Every structure is written in C-alpha cells, then in structure tokens.
Amino acid sequence: MAEDEKIYMLNVLWFKPDGGAGKYAEYATAAAPFVQALGGRMIDGFIPEQSLIGEWEPDLFFIVEWPSLEAFLQLPLDPGYQAIAHLREEALRDSLLIRCRRAATPP
C-alpha cells in the first residue's frame, strides 16, 4: 500500500443500553470537525435490520474514507480530539475498527 493511498475504515458499533446511541451522536457531532480537518469523510452508514446468515448484530456500521493511513493516525494525536474521545468510550459497549481497501473488481 502506498503511503498516500486512500484507506477506508469500517466502523462497527454496539451501543451501551440506556443512552449509548445518544451519547454516540454527541461524540460524532464533536468529532466531525477533527475528522474533516484531516480529510476524512463518512461514505455511508447502515443500521442492520436482520442477520440472515451467522450471528452479527451491531447497532450501526459505517465507512469513513481517509486520504491516507497517516491522516487517520493523526486523529488520536490531536489535543482537541483527545478532549472529546471519552464520549465515544461512554457510548459504546463494543466496537470494531477495520482498515479496508477498495476491491479491484466487484465480487
């Protein structure tokens, strides 16, 4: 992977009961300016409705496009972001963050 190659981060979230979704919305609003300043942008988000094969029932998943891995790695180093990162932890009971790349050809 080239250093300046775009990356796609798959975010899979399970909210804490009793307010986790609302707390995550607060985090997302606060984090958006930091993500955008580094060139990140949300591609699309999804709320799973039914798992037809296997057991996988997150509350939300979405993909964020980043201009490079380096840009993504700068996010947690930003003091402003560090000040609001606790909101994410307060909102989630579990999460996955998976670095992806676009497939060369559709499956």
N, C-alpha and C. Protein backbone atom coordinates (compact mmCIF):
# COMPACT_ATOMS: atom_id res chain seq x y z
N MET A 1 0.85 -1.18 0.00
CA MET A 1 0.00 0.00 0.00
C MET A 1 0.89 1.24 0.00
N ALA A 2 0.64 2.14 -0.92
CA ALA A 2 1.38 3.40 -0.99
C ALA A 2 1.01 4.28 0.20
N GLU A 3 1.98 5.08 0.67
CA GLU A 3 1.74 5.94 1.83
C GLU A 3 0.59 6.91 1.62
N ASP A 4 0.41 7.37 0.39
CA ASP A 4 -0.63 8.37 0.12
C ASP A 4 -1.90 7.74 -0.45
N GLU A 5 -2.04 6.43 -0.36
CA GLU A 5 -3.21 5.74 -0.88
C GLU A 5 -4.39 5.90 0.09
N LYS A 6 -5.58 6.14 -0.46
CA LYS A 6 -6.77 6.25 0.37
C LYS A 6 -7.00 4.95 1.12
N ILE A 7 -7.53 5.09 2.34
CA ILE A 7 -7.94 3.93 3.10
C ILE A 7 -9.40 4.11 3.51
N TYR A 8 -10.03 3.02 3.84
CA TYR A 8 -11.43 3.02 4.24
C TYR A 8 -11.52 2.29 5.56
N MET A 9 -12.06 2.98 6.56
CA MET A 9 -12.18 2.38 7.89
C MET A 9 -13.63 1.96 8.11
N LEU A 10 -13.81 0.66 8.30
CA LEU A 10 -15.12 0.12 8.63
C LEU A 10 -15.28 0.23 10.14
N ASN A 11 -16.28 0.97 10.56
CA ASN A 11 -16.60 1.16 11.97
C ASN A 11 -17.85 0.36 12.29
N VAL A 12 -17.76 -0.55 13.24
CA VAL A 12 -18.90 -1.38 13.64
C VAL A 12 -19.13 -1.11 15.12
N LEU A 13 -20.36 -0.72 15.46
CA LEU A 13 -20.64 -0.23 16.81
C LEU A 13 -21.78 -0.97 17.49
N TRP A 14 -21.59 -1.24 18.79
CA TRP A 14 -22.63 -1.75 19.66
C TRP A 14 -22.76 -0.73 20.79
N PHE A 15 -23.92 -0.12 20.90
CA PHE A 15 -24.13 0.93 21.89
C PHE A 15 -24.42 0.35 23.28
N LYS A 16 -24.03 1.09 24.30
CA LYS A 16 -24.42 0.74 25.65
C LYS A 16 -25.92 0.98 25.77
N PRO A 17 -26.59 0.15 26.57
CA PRO A 17 -28.03 0.40 26.77
C PRO A 17 -28.23 1.72 27.53
N ASP A 18 -29.42 2.22 27.47
CA ASP A 18 -29.78 3.42 28.23
C ASP A 18 -28.92 4.63 27.88
N GLY A 19 -28.98 5.04 26.62
CA GLY A 19 -28.37 6.30 26.24
C GLY A 19 -27.11 6.22 25.40
N GLY A 20 -26.64 5.03 25.09
CA GLY A 20 -25.42 4.92 24.30
C GLY A 20 -25.54 5.54 22.91
N ALA A 21 -26.69 5.34 22.27
CA ALA A 21 -26.88 5.89 20.92
C ALA A 21 -26.85 7.42 20.95
N GLY A 22 -27.50 8.00 21.93
CA GLY A 22 -27.50 9.46 22.06
C GLY A 22 -26.12 10.00 22.37
N LYS A 23 -25.40 9.31 23.24
CA LYS A 23 -24.04 9.72 23.59
C LYS A 23 -23.12 9.61 22.37
N TYR A 24 -23.34 8.57 21.53
CA TYR A 24 -22.52 8.44 20.33
C TYR A 24 -22.83 9.56 19.35
N ALA A 25 -24.09 9.94 19.25
CA ALA A 25 -24.45 11.06 18.37
C ALA A 25 -23.74 12.34 18.83
N GLU A 26 -23.65 12.52 20.13
CA GLU A 26 -22.92 13.67 20.68
C GLU A 26 -21.44 13.60 20.29
N TYR A 27 -20.86 12.41 20.42
CA TYR A 27 -19.46 12.21 20.03
C TYR A 27 -19.27 12.49 18.54
N ALA A 28 -20.14 11.94 17.71
CA ALA A 28 -20.00 12.09 16.25
C ALA A 28 -20.03 13.56 15.85
N THR A 29 -20.92 14.31 16.45
CA THR A 29 -21.01 15.75 16.17
C THR A 29 -19.73 16.47 16.59
N ALA A 30 -19.22 16.11 17.76
CA ALA A 30 -18.00 16.76 18.26
C ALA A 30 -16.76 16.33 17.47
N ALA A 31 -16.73 15.09 16.99
CA ALA A 31 -15.56 14.56 16.29
C ALA A 31 -15.50 15.00 14.82
N ALA A 32 -16.64 15.30 14.24
CA ALA A 32 -16.71 15.59 12.80
C ALA A 32 -15.71 16.67 12.34
N PRO A 33 -15.58 17.79 13.03
CA PRO A 33 -14.62 18.80 12.56
C PRO A 33 -13.17 18.30 12.54
N PHE A 34 -12.81 17.44 13.48
CA PHE A 34 -11.44 16.91 13.54
C PHE A 34 -11.21 15.93 12.39
N VAL A 35 -12.21 15.09 12.12
CA VAL A 35 -12.12 14.14 11.01
C VAL A 35 -12.01 14.90 9.69
N GLN A 36 -12.87 15.88 9.50
CA GLN A 36 -12.88 16.65 8.26
C GLN A 36 -11.59 17.43 8.06
N ALA A 37 -11.03 17.96 9.13
CA ALA A 37 -9.77 18.72 9.03
C ALA A 37 -8.62 17.86 8.52
N LEU A 38 -8.71 16.55 8.76
CA LEU A 38 -7.67 15.62 8.30
C LEU A 38 -8.02 14.98 6.97
N GLY A 39 -9.13 15.41 6.37
CA GLY A 39 -9.52 14.89 5.06
C GLY A 39 -10.41 13.67 5.10
N GLY A 40 -10.86 13.27 6.29
CA GLY A 40 -11.75 12.12 6.41
C GLY A 40 -13.18 12.50 6.07
N ARG A 41 -13.92 11.53 5.54
CA ARG A 41 -15.35 11.77 5.27
C ARG A 41 -16.10 10.45 5.35
N MET A 42 -17.29 10.53 5.93
CA MET A 42 -18.11 9.34 6.02
C MET A 42 -18.69 9.03 4.64
N ILE A 43 -18.50 7.79 4.19
CA ILE A 43 -19.02 7.36 2.89
C ILE A 43 -20.50 7.02 3.01
N ASP A 44 -20.82 6.16 3.96
CA ASP A 44 -22.21 5.74 4.13
C ASP A 44 -22.35 5.04 5.46
N GLY A 45 -23.55 5.05 6.00
CA GLY A 45 -23.83 4.38 7.26
C GLY A 45 -25.04 3.48 7.13
N PHE A 46 -25.08 2.45 7.97
CA PHE A 46 -26.15 1.46 7.89
C PHE A 46 -26.58 1.03 9.28
N ILE A 47 -27.88 0.79 9.43
CA ILE A 47 -28.44 0.20 10.63
C ILE A 47 -28.90 -1.20 10.25
N PRO A 48 -28.24 -2.24 10.77
CA PRO A 48 -28.64 -3.61 10.42
C PRO A 48 -30.06 -3.90 10.88
N GLU A 49 -30.80 -4.60 10.05
CA GLU A 49 -32.18 -4.95 10.39
C GLU A 49 -32.34 -6.43 10.72
N GLN A 50 -31.62 -7.30 9.99
CA GLN A 50 -31.77 -8.73 10.23
C GLN A 50 -30.55 -9.46 9.70
N SER A 51 -29.98 -10.32 10.53
CA SER A 51 -28.87 -11.16 10.09
C SER A 51 -29.45 -12.46 9.54
N LEU A 52 -29.22 -12.73 8.27
CA LEU A 52 -29.77 -13.92 7.63
C LEU A 52 -28.86 -15.13 7.76
N ILE A 53 -27.56 -14.90 7.79
CA ILE A 53 -26.59 -15.98 7.97
C ILE A 53 -25.61 -15.54 9.04
N GLY A 54 -25.43 -16.34 10.06
CA GLY A 54 -24.49 -16.02 11.12
C GLY A 54 -25.08 -15.08 12.16
N GLU A 55 -24.30 -14.88 13.20
CA GLU A 55 -24.71 -14.00 14.29
C GLU A 55 -23.84 -12.75 14.28
N TRP A 56 -24.43 -11.67 13.87
CA TRP A 56 -23.73 -10.39 13.82
C TRP A 56 -24.79 -9.32 13.93
N GLU A 57 -24.91 -8.72 15.09
CA GLU A 57 -25.99 -7.76 15.31
C GLU A 57 -25.50 -6.46 15.93
N PRO A 58 -24.67 -5.72 15.21
CA PRO A 58 -24.27 -4.41 15.72
C PRO A 58 -25.45 -3.44 15.62
N ASP A 59 -25.32 -2.32 16.29
CA ASP A 59 -26.35 -1.28 16.22
C ASP A 59 -26.16 -0.37 15.01
N LEU A 60 -24.93 -0.22 14.58
CA LEU A 60 -24.62 0.70 13.48
C LEU A 60 -23.28 0.31 12.88
N PHE A 61 -23.16 0.46 11.56
CA PHE A 61 -21.84 0.37 10.95
C PHE A 61 -21.75 1.36 9.81
N PHE A 62 -20.54 1.86 9.60
CA PHE A 62 -20.33 2.86 8.55
C PHE A 62 -18.87 2.82 8.10
N ILE A 63 -18.63 3.45 6.97
CA ILE A 63 -17.29 3.51 6.40
C ILE A 63 -16.85 4.97 6.32
N VAL A 64 -15.63 5.22 6.78
CA VAL A 64 -15.02 6.54 6.66
C VAL A 64 -13.84 6.43 5.70
N GLU A 65 -13.83 7.29 4.69
CA GLU A 65 -12.72 7.36 3.74
C GLU A 65 -11.69 8.35 4.28
N TRP A 66 -10.43 7.94 4.25
CA TRP A 66 -9.32 8.79 4.68
C TRP A 66 -8.35 8.95 3.51
N PRO A 67 -7.73 10.12 3.37
CA PRO A 67 -6.80 10.31 2.26
C PRO A 67 -5.56 9.41 2.35
N SER A 68 -5.23 8.98 3.57
CA SER A 68 -4.06 8.12 3.77
C SER A 68 -4.13 7.53 5.18
N LEU A 69 -3.35 6.50 5.41
CA LEU A 69 -3.23 5.93 6.75
C LEU A 69 -2.65 6.97 7.70
N GLU A 70 -1.69 7.73 7.22
CA GLU A 70 -1.06 8.77 8.05
C GLU A 70 -2.10 9.79 8.54
N ALA A 71 -3.01 10.20 7.67
CA ALA A 71 -4.05 11.15 8.08
C ALA A 71 -4.90 10.55 9.19
N PHE A 72 -5.30 9.30 9.02
CA PHE A 72 -6.11 8.63 10.05
C PHE A 72 -5.35 8.56 11.38
N LEU A 73 -4.07 8.24 11.32
CA LEU A 73 -3.28 8.08 12.55
C LEU A 73 -3.06 9.40 13.28
N GLN A 74 -3.28 10.52 12.61
CA GLN A 74 -3.14 11.83 13.25
C GLN A 74 -4.33 12.15 14.16
N LEU A 75 -5.48 11.55 13.90
CA LEU A 75 -6.69 11.89 14.66
C LEU A 75 -6.51 11.74 16.17
N PRO A 76 -6.08 10.58 16.68
CA PRO A 76 -5.99 10.46 18.14
C PRO A 76 -4.87 11.29 18.76
N LEU A 77 -4.01 11.89 17.95
CA LEU A 77 -2.93 12.73 18.47
C LEU A 77 -3.36 14.18 18.67
N ASP A 78 -4.49 14.56 18.10
CA ASP A 78 -4.98 15.94 18.18
C ASP A 78 -5.50 16.21 19.60
N PRO A 79 -4.97 17.22 20.29
CA PRO A 79 -5.44 17.51 21.65
C PRO A 79 -6.93 17.82 21.73
N GLY A 80 -7.46 18.48 20.71
CA GLY A 80 -8.90 18.76 20.70
C GLY A 80 -9.71 17.48 20.61
N TYR A 81 -9.26 16.56 19.77
CA TYR A 81 -9.95 15.27 19.67
C TYR A 81 -9.81 14.49 20.98
N GLN A 82 -8.64 14.52 21.57
CA GLN A 82 -8.43 13.81 22.83
C GLN A 82 -9.40 14.28 23.90
N ALA A 83 -9.76 15.56 23.86
CA ALA A 83 -10.68 16.12 24.86
C ALA A 83 -12.10 15.59 24.72
N ILE A 84 -12.48 15.10 23.54
CA ILE A 84 -13.85 14.61 23.34
C ILE A 84 -13.91 13.09 23.16
N ALA A 85 -12.76 12.43 23.08
CA ALA A 85 -12.73 10.98 22.81
C ALA A 85 -13.45 10.17 23.89
N HIS A 86 -13.51 10.70 25.10
CA HIS A 86 -14.20 9.98 26.18
C HIS A 86 -15.67 9.75 25.85
N LEU A 87 -16.27 10.62 25.04
CA LEU A 87 -17.68 10.44 24.67
C LEU A 87 -17.89 9.13 23.92
N ARG A 88 -16.93 8.76 23.09
CA ARG A 88 -17.02 7.50 22.34
C ARG A 88 -17.01 6.32 23.30
N GLU A 89 -16.08 6.35 24.25
CA GLU A 89 -15.98 5.25 25.22
C GLU A 89 -17.24 5.16 26.08
N GLU A 90 -17.81 6.30 26.43
CA GLU A 90 -19.02 6.32 27.25
C GLU A 90 -20.22 5.78 26.49
N ALA A 91 -20.19 5.83 25.16
CA ALA A 91 -21.33 5.43 24.33
C ALA A 91 -21.33 3.96 23.96
N LEU A 92 -20.16 3.34 23.89
CA LEU A 92 -20.06 2.01 23.28
C LEU A 92 -19.79 0.90 24.28
N ARG A 93 -20.49 -0.22 24.07
CA ARG A 93 -20.16 -1.42 24.85
C ARG A 93 -19.15 -2.27 24.10
N ASP A 94 -19.09 -2.10 22.76
CA ASP A 94 -18.11 -2.82 21.95
C ASP A 94 -18.01 -2.12 20.60
N SER A 95 -16.90 -2.37 19.91
CA SER A 95 -16.72 -1.80 18.58
C SER A 95 -15.65 -2.57 17.83
N LEU A 96 -15.70 -2.45 16.53
CA LEU A 96 -14.66 -2.96 15.64
C LEU A 96 -14.24 -1.81 14.75
N LEU A 97 -12.97 -1.74 14.44
CA LEU A 97 -12.45 -0.75 13.51
C LEU A 97 -11.52 -1.51 12.58
N ILE A 98 -11.90 -1.60 11.30
CA ILE A 98 -11.20 -2.46 10.36
C ILE A 98 -10.74 -1.63 9.16
N ARG A 99 -9.43 -1.61 8.93
CA ARG A 99 -8.89 -0.91 7.76
C ARG A 99 -9.18 -1.74 6.51
N CYS A 100 -9.70 -1.07 5.48
CA CYS A 100 -10.07 -1.74 4.24
C CYS A 100 -9.48 -0.99 3.05
N ARG A 101 -9.48 -1.65 1.92
CA ARG A 101 -9.15 -1.00 0.65
C ARG A 101 -10.23 -1.41 -0.33
N ARG A 102 -10.38 -0.62 -1.37
CA ARG A 102 -11.37 -0.95 -2.39
C ARG A 102 -10.95 -2.21 -3.12
N ALA A 103 -11.92 -3.03 -3.47
CA ALA A 103 -11.65 -4.22 -4.26
C ALA A 103 -11.33 -3.79 -5.69
N ALA A 104 -10.40 -4.48 -6.33
CA ALA A 104 -10.01 -4.13 -7.70
C ALA A 104 -11.19 -4.30 -8.65
N THR A 105 -11.95 -5.33 -8.44
CA THR A 105 -13.15 -5.57 -9.25
C THR A 105 -14.27 -5.99 -8.32
N PRO A 106 -15.49 -5.63 -8.62
CA PRO A 106 -16.60 -6.04 -7.76
C PRO A 106 -16.68 -7.56 -7.69
N PRO A 107 -17.05 -8.08 -6.52
CA PRO A 107 -17.16 -9.54 -6.38
C PRO A 107 -18.26 -10.12 -7.25
